[in-house]
PDBML (XML) file of the C-alpha atoms, coordinates in Angstrom:
<?xml version="1.0" encoding="UTF-8" ?>
<PDBx:datablock datablockName="MODEL"
   xmlns:PDBx="http://pdbml.pdb.org/schema/pdbx-v50.xsd"
   xmlns:xsi="http://www.w3.org/2001/XMLSchema-instance"
   xsi:schemaLocation="http://pdbml.pdb.org/schema/pdbx-v50.xsd pdbx-v50.xsd">
   <PDBx:atom_siteCategory>
      <PDBx:atom_site id="1">
         <PDBx:B_iso_or_equiv>0.00</PDBx:B_iso_or_equiv>
         <PDBx:Cartn_x>73.737</PDBx:Cartn_x>
         <PDBx:Cartn_y>-57.557</PDBx:Cartn_y>
         <PDBx:Cartn_z>3.368</PDBx:Cartn_z>
         <PDBx:auth_asym_id>A</PDBx:auth_asym_id>
         <PDBx:auth_atom_id>CA</PDBx:auth_atom_id>
         <PDBx:auth_comp_id>UNK</PDBx:auth_comp_id>
         <PDBx:auth_seq_id>1</PDBx:auth_seq_id>
         <PDBx:group_PDB>ATOM</PDBx:group_PDB>
         <PDBx:label_alt_id xsi:nil="true" />
         <PDBx:label_asym_id>A</PDBx:label_asym_id>
         <PDBx:label_atom_id>CA</PDBx:label_atom_id>
         <PDBx:label_comp_id>UNK</PDBx:label_comp_id>
         <PDBx:label_entity_id>1</PDBx:label_entity_id>
         <PDBx:label_seq_id>1</PDBx:label_seq_id>
         <PDBx:occupancy>1.00</PDBx:occupancy>
         <PDBx:pdbx_PDB_model_num>1</PDBx:pdbx_PDB_model_num>
         <PDBx:type_symbol>C</PDBx:type_symbol>
      </PDBx:atom_site>
      <PDBx:atom_site id="2">
         <PDBx:B_iso_or_equiv>0.00</PDBx:B_iso_or_equiv>
         <PDBx:Cartn_x>72.431</PDBx:Cartn_x>
         <PDBx:Cartn_y>-58.019</PDBx:Cartn_y>
         <PDBx:Cartn_z>-0.181</PDBx:Cartn_z>
         <PDBx:auth_asym_id>A</PDBx:auth_asym_id>
         <PDBx:auth_atom_id>CA</PDBx:auth_atom_id>
         <PDBx:auth_comp_id>UNK</PDBx:auth_comp_id>
         <PDBx:auth_seq_id>2</PDBx:auth_seq_id>
         <PDBx:group_PDB>ATOM</PDBx:group_PDB>
         <PDBx:label_alt_id xsi:nil="true" />
         <PDBx:label_asym_id>A</PDBx:label_asym_id>
         <PDBx:label_atom_id>CA</PDBx:label_atom_id>
         <PDBx:label_comp_id>UNK</PDBx:label_comp_id>
         <PDBx:label_entity_id>1</PDBx:label_entity_id>
         <PDBx:label_seq_id>2</PDBx:label_seq_id>
         <PDBx:occupancy>1.00</PDBx:occupancy>
         <PDBx:pdbx_PDB_model_num>1</PDBx:pdbx_PDB_model_num>
         <PDBx:type_symbol>C</PDBx:type_symbol>
      </PDBx:atom_site>
      <PDBx:atom_site id="3">
         <PDBx:B_iso_or_equiv>0.00</PDBx:B_iso_or_equiv>
         <PDBx:Cartn_x>75.017</PDBx:Cartn_x>
         <PDBx:Cartn_y>-56.274</PDBx:Cartn_y>
         <PDBx:Cartn_z>-2.360</PDBx:Cartn_z>
         <PDBx:auth_asym_id>A</PDBx:auth_asym_id>
         <PDBx:auth_atom_id>CA</PDBx:auth_atom_id>
         <PDBx:auth_comp_id>UNK</PDBx:auth_comp_id>
         <PDBx:auth_seq_id>3</PDBx:auth_seq_id>
         <PDBx:group_PDB>ATOM</PDBx:group_PDB>
         <PDBx:label_alt_id xsi:nil="true" />
         <PDBx:label_asym_id>A</PDBx:label_asym_id>
         <PDBx:label_atom_id>CA</PDBx:label_atom_id>
         <PDBx:label_comp_id>UNK</PDBx:label_comp_id>
         <PDBx:label_entity_id>1</PDBx:label_entity_id>
         <PDBx:label_seq_id>3</PDBx:label_seq_id>
         <PDBx:occupancy>1.00</PDBx:occupancy>
         <PDBx:pdbx_PDB_model_num>1</PDBx:pdbx_PDB_model_num>
         <PDBx:type_symbol>C</PDBx:type_symbol>
      </PDBx:atom_site>
      <PDBx:atom_site id="4">
         <PDBx:B_iso_or_equiv>0.00</PDBx:B_iso_or_equiv>
         <PDBx:Cartn_x>74.159</PDBx:Cartn_x>
         <PDBx:Cartn_y>-57.896</PDBx:Cartn_y>
         <PDBx:Cartn_z>-5.689</PDBx:Cartn_z>
         <PDBx:auth_asym_id>A</PDBx:auth_asym_id>
         <PDBx:auth_atom_id>CA</PDBx:auth_atom_id>
         <PDBx:auth_comp_id>UNK</PDBx:auth_comp_id>
         <PDBx:auth_seq_id>4</PDBx:auth_seq_id>
         <PDBx:group_PDB>ATOM</PDBx:group_PDB>
         <PDBx:label_alt_id xsi:nil="true" />
         <PDBx:label_asym_id>A</PDBx:label_asym_id>
         <PDBx:label_atom_id>CA</PDBx:label_atom_id>
         <PDBx:label_comp_id>UNK</PDBx:label_comp_id>
         <PDBx:label_entity_id>1</PDBx:label_entity_id>
         <PDBx:label_seq_id>4</PDBx:label_seq_id>
         <PDBx:occupancy>1.00</PDBx:occupancy>
         <PDBx:pdbx_PDB_model_num>1</PDBx:pdbx_PDB_model_num>
         <PDBx:type_symbol>C</PDBx:type_symbol>
      </PDBx:atom_site>
      <PDBx:atom_site id="5">
         <PDBx:B_iso_or_equiv>0.00</PDBx:B_iso_or_equiv>
         <PDBx:Cartn_x>71.976</PDBx:Cartn_x>
         <PDBx:Cartn_y>-55.077</PDBx:Cartn_y>
         <PDBx:Cartn_z>-6.995</PDBx:Cartn_z>
         <PDBx:auth_asym_id>A</PDBx:auth_asym_id>
         <PDBx:auth_atom_id>CA</PDBx:auth_atom_id>
         <PDBx:auth_comp_id>UNK</PDBx:auth_comp_id>
         <PDBx:auth_seq_id>5</PDBx:auth_seq_id>
         <PDBx:group_PDB>ATOM</PDBx:group_PDB>
         <PDBx:label_alt_id xsi:nil="true" />
         <PDBx:label_asym_id>A</PDBx:label_asym_id>
         <PDBx:label_atom_id>CA</PDBx:label_atom_id>
         <PDBx:label_comp_id>UNK</PDBx:label_comp_id>
         <PDBx:label_entity_id>1</PDBx:label_entity_id>
         <PDBx:label_seq_id>5</PDBx:label_seq_id>
         <PDBx:occupancy>1.00</PDBx:occupancy>
         <PDBx:pdbx_PDB_model_num>1</PDBx:pdbx_PDB_model_num>
         <PDBx:type_symbol>C</PDBx:type_symbol>
      </PDBx:atom_site>
      <PDBx:atom_site id="6">
         <PDBx:B_iso_or_equiv>0.00</PDBx:B_iso_or_equiv>
         <PDBx:Cartn_x>73.911</PDBx:Cartn_x>
         <PDBx:Cartn_y>-52.210</PDBx:Cartn_y>
         <PDBx:Cartn_z>-8.645</PDBx:Cartn_z>
         <PDBx:auth_asym_id>A</PDBx:auth_asym_id>
         <PDBx:auth_atom_id>CA</PDBx:auth_atom_id>
         <PDBx:auth_comp_id>UNK</PDBx:auth_comp_id>
         <PDBx:auth_seq_id>6</PDBx:auth_seq_id>
         <PDBx:group_PDB>ATOM</PDBx:group_PDB>
         <PDBx:label_alt_id xsi:nil="true" />
         <PDBx:label_asym_id>A</PDBx:label_asym_id>
         <PDBx:label_atom_id>CA</PDBx:label_atom_id>
         <PDBx:label_comp_id>UNK</PDBx:label_comp_id>
         <PDBx:label_entity_id>1</PDBx:label_entity_id>
         <PDBx:label_seq_id>6</PDBx:label_seq_id>
         <PDBx:occupancy>1.00</PDBx:occupancy>
         <PDBx:pdbx_PDB_model_num>1</PDBx:pdbx_PDB_model_num>
         <PDBx:type_symbol>C</PDBx:type_symbol>
      </PDBx:atom_site>
      <PDBx:atom_site id="7">
         <PDBx:B_iso_or_equiv>0.00</PDBx:B_iso_or_equiv>
         <PDBx:Cartn_x>73.005</PDBx:Cartn_x>
         <PDBx:Cartn_y>-48.558</PDBx:Cartn_y>
         <PDBx:Cartn_z>-8.312</PDBx:Cartn_z>
         <PDBx:auth_asym_id>A</PDBx:auth_asym_id>
         <PDBx:auth_atom_id>CA</PDBx:auth_atom_id>
         <PDBx:auth_comp_id>UNK</PDBx:auth_comp_id>
         <PDBx:auth_seq_id>7</PDBx:auth_seq_id>
         <PDBx:group_PDB>ATOM</PDBx:group_PDB>
         <PDBx:label_alt_id xsi:nil="true" />
         <PDBx:label_asym_id>A</PDBx:label_asym_id>
         <PDBx:label_atom_id>CA</PDBx:label_atom_id>
         <PDBx:label_comp_id>UNK</PDBx:label_comp_id>
         <PDBx:label_entity_id>1</PDBx:label_entity_id>
         <PDBx:label_seq_id>7</PDBx:label_seq_id>
         <PDBx:occupancy>1.00</PDBx:occupancy>
         <PDBx:pdbx_PDB_model_num>1</PDBx:pdbx_PDB_model_num>
         <PDBx:type_symbol>C</PDBx:type_symbol>
      </PDBx:atom_site>
      <PDBx:atom_site id="8">
         <PDBx:B_iso_or_equiv>0.00</PDBx:B_iso_or_equiv>
         <PDBx:Cartn_x>71.396</PDBx:Cartn_x>
         <PDBx:Cartn_y>-46.842</PDBx:Cartn_y>
         <PDBx:Cartn_z>-11.280</PDBx:Cartn_z>
         <PDBx:auth_asym_id>A</PDBx:auth_asym_id>
         <PDBx:auth_atom_id>CA</PDBx:auth_atom_id>
         <PDBx:auth_comp_id>UNK</PDBx:auth_comp_id>
         <PDBx:auth_seq_id>8</PDBx:auth_seq_id>
         <PDBx:group_PDB>ATOM</PDBx:group_PDB>
         <PDBx:label_alt_id xsi:nil="true" />
         <PDBx:label_asym_id>A</PDBx:label_asym_id>
         <PDBx:label_atom_id>CA</PDBx:label_atom_id>
         <PDBx:label_comp_id>UNK</PDBx:label_comp_id>
         <PDBx:label_entity_id>1</PDBx:label_entity_id>
         <PDBx:label_seq_id>8</PDBx:label_seq_id>
         <PDBx:occupancy>1.00</PDBx:occupancy>
         <PDBx:pdbx_PDB_model_num>1</PDBx:pdbx_PDB_model_num>
         <PDBx:type_symbol>C</PDBx:type_symbol>
      </PDBx:atom_site>
      <PDBx:atom_site id="9">
         <PDBx:B_iso_or_equiv>0.00</PDBx:B_iso_or_equiv>
         <PDBx:Cartn_x>73.146</PDBx:Cartn_x>
         <PDBx:Cartn_y>-43.882</PDBx:Cartn_y>
         <PDBx:Cartn_z>-12.847</PDBx:Cartn_z>
         <PDBx:auth_asym_id>A</PDBx:auth_asym_id>
         <PDBx:auth_atom_id>CA</PDBx:auth_atom_id>
         <PDBx:auth_comp_id>UNK</PDBx:auth_comp_id>
         <PDBx:auth_seq_id>9</PDBx:auth_seq_id>
         <PDBx:group_PDB>ATOM</PDBx:group_PDB>
         <PDBx:label_alt_id xsi:nil="true" />
         <PDBx:label_asym_id>A</PDBx:label_asym_id>
         <PDBx:label_atom_id>CA</PDBx:label_atom_id>
         <PDBx:label_comp_id>UNK</PDBx:label_comp_id>
         <PDBx:label_entity_id>1</PDBx:label_entity_id>
         <PDBx:label_seq_id>9</PDBx:label_seq_id>
         <PDBx:occupancy>1.00</PDBx:occupancy>
         <PDBx:pdbx_PDB_model_num>1</PDBx:pdbx_PDB_model_num>
         <PDBx:type_symbol>C</PDBx:type_symbol>
      </PDBx:atom_site>
      <PDBx:atom_site id="10">
         <PDBx:B_iso_or_equiv>0.00</PDBx:B_iso_or_equiv>
         <PDBx:Cartn_x>70.665</PDBx:Cartn_x>
         <PDBx:Cartn_y>-41.038</PDBx:Cartn_y>
         <PDBx:Cartn_z>-12.408</PDBx:Cartn_z>
         <PDBx:auth_asym_id>A</PDBx:auth_asym_id>
         <PDBx:auth_atom_id>CA</PDBx:auth_atom_id>
         <PDBx:auth_comp_id>UNK</PDBx:auth_comp_id>
         <PDBx:auth_seq_id>10</PDBx:auth_seq_id>
         <PDBx:group_PDB>ATOM</PDBx:group_PDB>
         <PDBx:label_alt_id xsi:nil="true" />
         <PDBx:label_asym_id>A</PDBx:label_asym_id>
         <PDBx:label_atom_id>CA</PDBx:label_atom_id>
         <PDBx:label_comp_id>UNK</PDBx:label_comp_id>
         <PDBx:label_entity_id>1</PDBx:label_entity_id>
         <PDBx:label_seq_id>10</PDBx:label_seq_id>
         <PDBx:occupancy>1.00</PDBx:occupancy>
         <PDBx:pdbx_PDB_model_num>1</PDBx:pdbx_PDB_model_num>
         <PDBx:type_symbol>C</PDBx:type_symbol>
      </PDBx:atom_site>
      <PDBx:atom_site id="11">
         <PDBx:B_iso_or_equiv>0.00</PDBx:B_iso_or_equiv>
         <PDBx:Cartn_x>72.112</PDBx:Cartn_x>
         <PDBx:Cartn_y>-38.372</PDBx:Cartn_y>
         <PDBx:Cartn_z>-14.741</PDBx:Cartn_z>
         <PDBx:auth_asym_id>A</PDBx:auth_asym_id>
         <PDBx:auth_atom_id>CA</PDBx:auth_atom_id>
         <PDBx:auth_comp_id>UNK</PDBx:auth_comp_id>
         <PDBx:auth_seq_id>11</PDBx:auth_seq_id>
         <PDBx:group_PDB>ATOM</PDBx:group_PDB>
         <PDBx:label_alt_id xsi:nil="true" />
         <PDBx:label_asym_id>A</PDBx:label_asym_id>
         <PDBx:label_atom_id>CA</PDBx:label_atom_id>
         <PDBx:label_comp_id>UNK</PDBx:label_comp_id>
         <PDBx:label_entity_id>1</PDBx:label_entity_id>
         <PDBx:label_seq_id>11</PDBx:label_seq_id>
         <PDBx:occupancy>1.00</PDBx:occupancy>
         <PDBx:pdbx_PDB_model_num>1</PDBx:pdbx_PDB_model_num>
         <PDBx:type_symbol>C</PDBx:type_symbol>
      </PDBx:atom_site>
      <PDBx:atom_site id="12">
         <PDBx:B_iso_or_equiv>0.00</PDBx:B_iso_or_equiv>
         <PDBx:Cartn_x>72.566</PDBx:Cartn_x>
         <PDBx:Cartn_y>-40.608</PDBx:Cartn_y>
         <PDBx:Cartn_z>-17.776</PDBx:Cartn_z>
         <PDBx:auth_asym_id>A</PDBx:auth_asym_id>
         <PDBx:auth_atom_id>CA</PDBx:auth_atom_id>
         <PDBx:auth_comp_id>UNK</PDBx:auth_comp_id>
         <PDBx:auth_seq_id>12</PDBx:auth_seq_id>
         <PDBx:group_PDB>ATOM</PDBx:group_PDB>
         <PDBx:label_alt_id xsi:nil="true" />
         <PDBx:label_asym_id>A</PDBx:label_asym_id>
         <PDBx:label_atom_id>CA</PDBx:label_atom_id>
         <PDBx:label_comp_id>UNK</PDBx:label_comp_id>
         <PDBx:label_entity_id>1</PDBx:label_entity_id>
         <PDBx:label_seq_id>12</PDBx:label_seq_id>
         <PDBx:occupancy>1.00</PDBx:occupancy>
         <PDBx:pdbx_PDB_model_num>1</PDBx:pdbx_PDB_model_num>
         <PDBx:type_symbol>C</PDBx:type_symbol>
      </PDBx:atom_site>
      <PDBx:atom_site id="13">
         <PDBx:B_iso_or_equiv>0.00</PDBx:B_iso_or_equiv>
         <PDBx:Cartn_x>71.580</PDBx:Cartn_x>
         <PDBx:Cartn_y>-38.399</PDBx:Cartn_y>
         <PDBx:Cartn_z>-20.735</PDBx:Cartn_z>
         <PDBx:auth_asym_id>A</PDBx:auth_asym_id>
         <PDBx:auth_atom_id>CA</PDBx:auth_atom_id>
         <PDBx:auth_comp_id>UNK</PDBx:auth_comp_id>
         <PDBx:auth_seq_id>13</PDBx:auth_seq_id>
         <PDBx:group_PDB>ATOM</PDBx:group_PDB>
         <PDBx:label_alt_id xsi:nil="true" />
         <PDBx:label_asym_id>A</PDBx:label_asym_id>
         <PDBx:label_atom_id>CA</PDBx:label_atom_id>
         <PDBx:label_comp_id>UNK</PDBx:label_comp_id>
         <PDBx:label_entity_id>1</PDBx:label_entity_id>
         <PDBx:label_seq_id>13</PDBx:label_seq_id>
         <PDBx:occupancy>1.00</PDBx:occupancy>
         <PDBx:pdbx_PDB_model_num>1</PDBx:pdbx_PDB_model_num>
         <PDBx:type_symbol>C</PDBx:type_symbol>
      </PDBx:atom_site>
      <PDBx:atom_site id="14">
         <PDBx:B_iso_or_equiv>0.00</PDBx:B_iso_or_equiv>
         <PDBx:Cartn_x>71.484</PDBx:Cartn_x>
         <PDBx:Cartn_y>-34.800</PDBx:Cartn_y>
         <PDBx:Cartn_z>-21.939</PDBx:Cartn_z>
         <PDBx:auth_asym_id>A</PDBx:auth_asym_id>
         <PDBx:auth_atom_id>CA</PDBx:auth_atom_id>
         <PDBx:auth_comp_id>UNK</PDBx:auth_comp_id>
         <PDBx:auth_seq_id>14</PDBx:auth_seq_id>
         <PDBx:group_PDB>ATOM</PDBx:group_PDB>
         <PDBx:label_alt_id xsi:nil="true" />
         <PDBx:label_asym_id>A</PDBx:label_asym_id>
         <PDBx:label_atom_id>CA</PDBx:label_atom_id>
         <PDBx:label_comp_id>UNK</PDBx:label_comp_id>
         <PDBx:label_entity_id>1</PDBx:label_entity_id>
         <PDBx:label_seq_id>14</PDBx:label_seq_id>
         <PDBx:occupancy>1.00</PDBx:occupancy>
         <PDBx:pdbx_PDB_model_num>1</PDBx:pdbx_PDB_model_num>
         <PDBx:type_symbol>C</PDBx:type_symbol>
      </PDBx:atom_site>
      <PDBx:atom_site id="15">
         <PDBx:B_iso_or_equiv>0.00</PDBx:B_iso_or_equiv>
         <PDBx:Cartn_x>67.871</PDBx:Cartn_x>
         <PDBx:Cartn_y>-34.097</PDBx:Cartn_y>
         <PDBx:Cartn_z>-20.992</PDBx:Cartn_z>
         <PDBx:auth_asym_id>A</PDBx:auth_asym_id>
         <PDBx:auth_atom_id>CA</PDBx:auth_atom_id>
         <PDBx:auth_comp_id>UNK</PDBx:auth_comp_id>
         <PDBx:auth_seq_id>15</PDBx:auth_seq_id>
         <PDBx:group_PDB>ATOM</PDBx:group_PDB>
         <PDBx:label_alt_id xsi:nil="true" />
         <PDBx:label_asym_id>A</PDBx:label_asym_id>
         <PDBx:label_atom_id>CA</PDBx:label_atom_id>
         <PDBx:label_comp_id>UNK</PDBx:label_comp_id>
         <PDBx:label_entity_id>1</PDBx:label_entity_id>
         <PDBx:label_seq_id>15</PDBx:label_seq_id>
         <PDBx:occupancy>1.00</PDBx:occupancy>
         <PDBx:pdbx_PDB_model_num>1</PDBx:pdbx_PDB_model_num>
         <PDBx:type_symbol>C</PDBx:type_symbol>
      </PDBx:atom_site>
      <PDBx:atom_site id="16">
         <PDBx:B_iso_or_equiv>0.00</PDBx:B_iso_or_equiv>
         <PDBx:Cartn_x>68.377</PDBx:Cartn_x>
         <PDBx:Cartn_y>-35.289</PDBx:Cartn_y>
         <PDBx:Cartn_z>-17.419</PDBx:Cartn_z>
         <PDBx:auth_asym_id>A</PDBx:auth_asym_id>
         <PDBx:auth_atom_id>CA</PDBx:auth_atom_id>
         <PDBx:auth_comp_id>UNK</PDBx:auth_comp_id>
         <PDBx:auth_seq_id>16</PDBx:auth_seq_id>
         <PDBx:group_PDB>ATOM</PDBx:group_PDB>
         <PDBx:label_alt_id xsi:nil="true" />
         <PDBx:label_asym_id>A</PDBx:label_asym_id>
         <PDBx:label_atom_id>CA</PDBx:label_atom_id>
         <PDBx:label_comp_id>UNK</PDBx:label_comp_id>
         <PDBx:label_entity_id>1</PDBx:label_entity_id>
         <PDBx:label_seq_id>16</PDBx:label_seq_id>
         <PDBx:occupancy>1.00</PDBx:occupancy>
         <PDBx:pdbx_PDB_model_num>1</PDBx:pdbx_PDB_model_num>
         <PDBx:type_symbol>C</PDBx:type_symbol>
      </PDBx:atom_site>
      <PDBx:atom_site id="17">
         <PDBx:B_iso_or_equiv>0.00</PDBx:B_iso_or_equiv>
         <PDBx:Cartn_x>71.403</PDBx:Cartn_x>
         <PDBx:Cartn_y>-33.001</PDBx:Cartn_y>
         <PDBx:Cartn_z>-17.135</PDBx:Cartn_z>
         <PDBx:auth_asym_id>A</PDBx:auth_asym_id>
         <PDBx:auth_atom_id>CA</PDBx:auth_atom_id>
         <PDBx:auth_comp_id>UNK</PDBx:auth_comp_id>
         <PDBx:auth_seq_id>17</PDBx:auth_seq_id>
         <PDBx:group_PDB>ATOM</PDBx:group_PDB>
         <PDBx:label_alt_id xsi:nil="true" />
         <PDBx:label_asym_id>A</PDBx:label_asym_id>
         <PDBx:label_atom_id>CA</PDBx:label_atom_id>
         <PDBx:label_comp_id>UNK</PDBx:label_comp_id>
         <PDBx:label_entity_id>1</PDBx:label_entity_id>
         <PDBx:label_seq_id>17</PDBx:label_seq_id>
         <PDBx:occupancy>1.00</PDBx:occupancy>
         <PDBx:pdbx_PDB_model_num>1</PDBx:pdbx_PDB_model_num>
         <PDBx:type_symbol>C</PDBx:type_symbol>
      </PDBx:atom_site>
      <PDBx:atom_site id="18">
         <PDBx:B_iso_or_equiv>0.00</PDBx:B_iso_or_equiv>
         <PDBx:Cartn_x>69.275</PDBx:Cartn_x>
         <PDBx:Cartn_y>-30.192</PDBx:Cartn_y>
         <PDBx:Cartn_z>-18.624</PDBx:Cartn_z>
         <PDBx:auth_asym_id>A</PDBx:auth_asym_id>
         <PDBx:auth_atom_id>CA</PDBx:auth_atom_id>
         <PDBx:auth_comp_id>UNK</PDBx:auth_comp_id>
         <PDBx:auth_seq_id>18</PDBx:auth_seq_id>
         <PDBx:group_PDB>ATOM</PDBx:group_PDB>
         <PDBx:label_alt_id xsi:nil="true" />
         <PDBx:label_asym_id>A</PDBx:label_asym_id>
         <PDBx:label_atom_id>CA</PDBx:label_atom_id>
         <PDBx:label_comp_id>UNK</PDBx:label_comp_id>
         <PDBx:label_entity_id>1</PDBx:label_entity_id>
         <PDBx:label_seq_id>18</PDBx:label_seq_id>
         <PDBx:occupancy>1.00</PDBx:occupancy>
         <PDBx:pdbx_PDB_model_num>1</PDBx:pdbx_PDB_model_num>
         <PDBx:type_symbol>C</PDBx:type_symbol>
      </PDBx:atom_site>
      <PDBx:atom_site id="19">
         <PDBx:B_iso_or_equiv>0.00</PDBx:B_iso_or_equiv>
         <PDBx:Cartn_x>66.649</PDBx:Cartn_x>
         <PDBx:Cartn_y>-30.758</PDBx:Cartn_y>
         <PDBx:Cartn_z>-15.902</PDBx:Cartn_z>
         <PDBx:auth_asym_id>A</PDBx:auth_asym_id>
         <PDBx:auth_atom_id>CA</PDBx:auth_atom_id>
         <PDBx:auth_comp_id>UNK</PDBx:auth_comp_id>
         <PDBx:auth_seq_id>19</PDBx:auth_seq_id>
         <PDBx:group_PDB>ATOM</PDBx:group_PDB>
         <PDBx:label_alt_id xsi:nil="true" />
         <PDBx:label_asym_id>A</PDBx:label_asym_id>
         <PDBx:label_atom_id>CA</PDBx:label_atom_id>
         <PDBx:label_comp_id>UNK</PDBx:label_comp_id>
         <PDBx:label_entity_id>1</PDBx:label_entity_id>
         <PDBx:label_seq_id>19</PDBx:label_seq_id>
         <PDBx:occupancy>1.00</PDBx:occupancy>
         <PDBx:pdbx_PDB_model_num>1</PDBx:pdbx_PDB_model_num>
         <PDBx:type_symbol>C</PDBx:type_symbol>
      </PDBx:atom_site>
      <PDBx:atom_site id="20">
         <PDBx:B_iso_or_equiv>0.00</PDBx:B_iso_or_equiv>
         <PDBx:Cartn_x>69.239</PDBx:Cartn_x>
         <PDBx:Cartn_y>-30.606</PDBx:Cartn_y>
         <PDBx:Cartn_z>-13.126</PDBx:Cartn_z>
         <PDBx:auth_asym_id>A</PDBx:auth_asym_id>
         <PDBx:auth_atom_id>CA</PDBx:auth_atom_id>
         <PDBx:auth_comp_id>UNK</PDBx:auth_comp_id>
         <PDBx:auth_seq_id>20</PDBx:auth_seq_id>
         <PDBx:group_PDB>ATOM</PDBx:group_PDB>
         <PDBx:label_alt_id xsi:nil="true" />
         <PDBx:label_asym_id>A</PDBx:label_asym_id>
         <PDBx:label_atom_id>CA</PDBx:label_atom_id>
         <PDBx:label_comp_id>UNK</PDBx:label_comp_id>
         <PDBx:label_entity_id>1</PDBx:label_entity_id>
         <PDBx:label_seq_id>20</PDBx:label_seq_id>
         <PDBx:occupancy>1.00</PDBx:occupancy>
         <PDBx:pdbx_PDB_model_num>1</PDBx:pdbx_PDB_model_num>
         <PDBx:type_symbol>C</PDBx:type_symbol>
      </PDBx:atom_site>
      <PDBx:atom_site id="21">
         <PDBx:B_iso_or_equiv>0.00</PDBx:B_iso_or_equiv>
         <PDBx:Cartn_x>70.859</PDBx:Cartn_x>
         <PDBx:Cartn_y>-27.484</PDBx:Cartn_y>
         <PDBx:Cartn_z>-14.585</PDBx:Cartn_z>
         <PDBx:auth_asym_id>A</PDBx:auth_asym_id>
         <PDBx:auth_atom_id>CA</PDBx:auth_atom_id>
         <PDBx:auth_comp_id>UNK</PDBx:auth_comp_id>
         <PDBx:auth_seq_id>21</PDBx:auth_seq_id>
         <PDBx:group_PDB>ATOM</PDBx:group_PDB>
         <PDBx:label_alt_id xsi:nil="true" />
         <PDBx:label_asym_id>A</PDBx:label_asym_id>
         <PDBx:label_atom_id>CA</PDBx:label_atom_id>
         <PDBx:label_comp_id>UNK</PDBx:label_comp_id>
         <PDBx:label_entity_id>1</PDBx:label_entity_id>
         <PDBx:label_seq_id>21</PDBx:label_seq_id>
         <PDBx:occupancy>1.00</PDBx:occupancy>
         <PDBx:pdbx_PDB_model_num>1</PDBx:pdbx_PDB_model_num>
         <PDBx:type_symbol>C</PDBx:type_symbol>
      </PDBx:atom_site>
      <PDBx:atom_site id="22">
         <PDBx:B_iso_or_equiv>0.00</PDBx:B_iso_or_equiv>
         <PDBx:Cartn_x>67.506</PDBx:Cartn_x>
         <PDBx:Cartn_y>-25.673</PDBx:Cartn_y>
         <PDBx:Cartn_z>-14.626</PDBx:Cartn_z>
         <PDBx:auth_asym_id>A</PDBx:auth_asym_id>
         <PDBx:auth_atom_id>CA</PDBx:auth_atom_id>
         <PDBx:auth_comp_id>UNK</PDBx:auth_comp_id>
         <PDBx:auth_seq_id>22</PDBx:auth_seq_id>
         <PDBx:group_PDB>ATOM</PDBx:group_PDB>
         <PDBx:label_alt_id xsi:nil="true" />
         <PDBx:label_asym_id>A</PDBx:label_asym_id>
         <PDBx:label_atom_id>CA</PDBx:label_atom_id>
         <PDBx:label_comp_id>UNK</PDBx:label_comp_id>
         <PDBx:label_entity_id>1</PDBx:label_entity_id>
         <PDBx:label_seq_id>22</PDBx:label_seq_id>
         <PDBx:occupancy>1.00</PDBx:occupancy>
         <PDBx:pdbx_PDB_model_num>1</PDBx:pdbx_PDB_model_num>
         <PDBx:type_symbol>C</PDBx:type_symbol>
      </PDBx:atom_site>
      <PDBx:atom_site id="23">
         <PDBx:B_iso_or_equiv>0.00</PDBx:B_iso_or_equiv>
         <PDBx:Cartn_x>66.830</PDBx:Cartn_x>
         <PDBx:Cartn_y>-26.722</PDBx:Cartn_y>
         <PDBx:Cartn_z>-11.023</PDBx:Cartn_z>
         <PDBx:auth_asym_id>A</PDBx:auth_asym_id>
         <PDBx:auth_atom_id>CA</PDBx:auth_atom_id>
         <PDBx:auth_comp_id>UNK</PDBx:auth_comp_id>
         <PDBx:auth_seq_id>23</PDBx:auth_seq_id>
         <PDBx:group_PDB>ATOM</PDBx:group_PDB>
         <PDBx:label_alt_id xsi:nil="true" />
         <PDBx:label_asym_id>A</PDBx:label_asym_id>
         <PDBx:label_atom_id>CA</PDBx:label_atom_id>
         <PDBx:label_comp_id>UNK</PDBx:label_comp_id>
         <PDBx:label_entity_id>1</PDBx:label_entity_id>
         <PDBx:label_seq_id>23</PDBx:label_seq_id>
         <PDBx:occupancy>1.00</PDBx:occupancy>
         <PDBx:pdbx_PDB_model_num>1</PDBx:pdbx_PDB_model_num>
         <PDBx:type_symbol>C</PDBx:type_symbol>
      </PDBx:atom_site>
      <PDBx:atom_site id="24">
         <PDBx:B_iso_or_equiv>0.00</PDBx:B_iso_or_equiv>
         <PDBx:Cartn_x>70.240</PDBx:Cartn_x>
         <PDBx:Cartn_y>-25.410</PDBx:Cartn_y>
         <PDBx:Cartn_z>-9.932</PDBx:Cartn_z>
         <PDBx:auth_asym_id>A</PDBx:auth_asym_id>
         <PDBx:auth_atom_id>CA</PDBx:auth_atom_id>
         <PDBx:auth_comp_id>UNK</PDBx:auth_comp_id>
         <PDBx:auth_seq_id>24</PDBx:auth_seq_id>
         <PDBx:group_PDB>ATOM</PDBx:group_PDB>
         <PDBx:label_alt_id xsi:nil="true" />
         <PDBx:label_asym_id>A</PDBx:label_asym_id>
         <PDBx:label_atom_id>CA</PDBx:label_atom_id>
         <PDBx:label_comp_id>UNK</PDBx:label_comp_id>
         <PDBx:label_entity_id>1</PDBx:label_entity_id>
         <PDBx:label_seq_id>24</PDBx:label_seq_id>
         <PDBx:occupancy>1.00</PDBx:occupancy>
         <PDBx:pdbx_PDB_model_num>1</PDBx:pdbx_PDB_model_num>
         <PDBx:type_symbol>C</PDBx:type_symbol>
      </PDBx:atom_site>
      <PDBx:atom_site id="25">
         <PDBx:B_iso_or_equiv>0.00</PDBx:B_iso_or_equiv>
         <PDBx:Cartn_x>69.624</PDBx:Cartn_x>
         <PDBx:Cartn_y>-22.105</PDBx:Cartn_y>
         <PDBx:Cartn_z>-11.761</PDBx:Cartn_z>
         <PDBx:auth_asym_id>A</PDBx:auth_asym_id>
         <PDBx:auth_atom_id>CA</PDBx:auth_atom_id>
         <PDBx:auth_comp_id>UNK</PDBx:auth_comp_id>
         <PDBx:auth_seq_id>25</PDBx:auth_seq_id>
         <PDBx:group_PDB>ATOM</PDBx:group_PDB>
         <PDBx:label_alt_id xsi:nil="true" />
         <PDBx:label_asym_id>A</PDBx:label_asym_id>
         <PDBx:label_atom_id>CA</PDBx:label_atom_id>
         <PDBx:label_comp_id>UNK</PDBx:label_comp_id>
         <PDBx:label_entity_id>1</PDBx:label_entity_id>
         <PDBx:label_seq_id>25</PDBx:label_seq_id>
         <PDBx:occupancy>1.00</PDBx:occupancy>
         <PDBx:pdbx_PDB_model_num>1</PDBx:pdbx_PDB_model_num>
         <PDBx:type_symbol>C</PDBx:type_symbol>
      </PDBx:atom_site>
   </PDBx:atom_siteCategory>
</PDBx:datablock>
């Protein structure tokens, strides 16, 4: 019932995207 806290954006910069791309590959 506590909906005040927002979610964090996980893929928020180039290096994080790089990490995810390597994992997918």
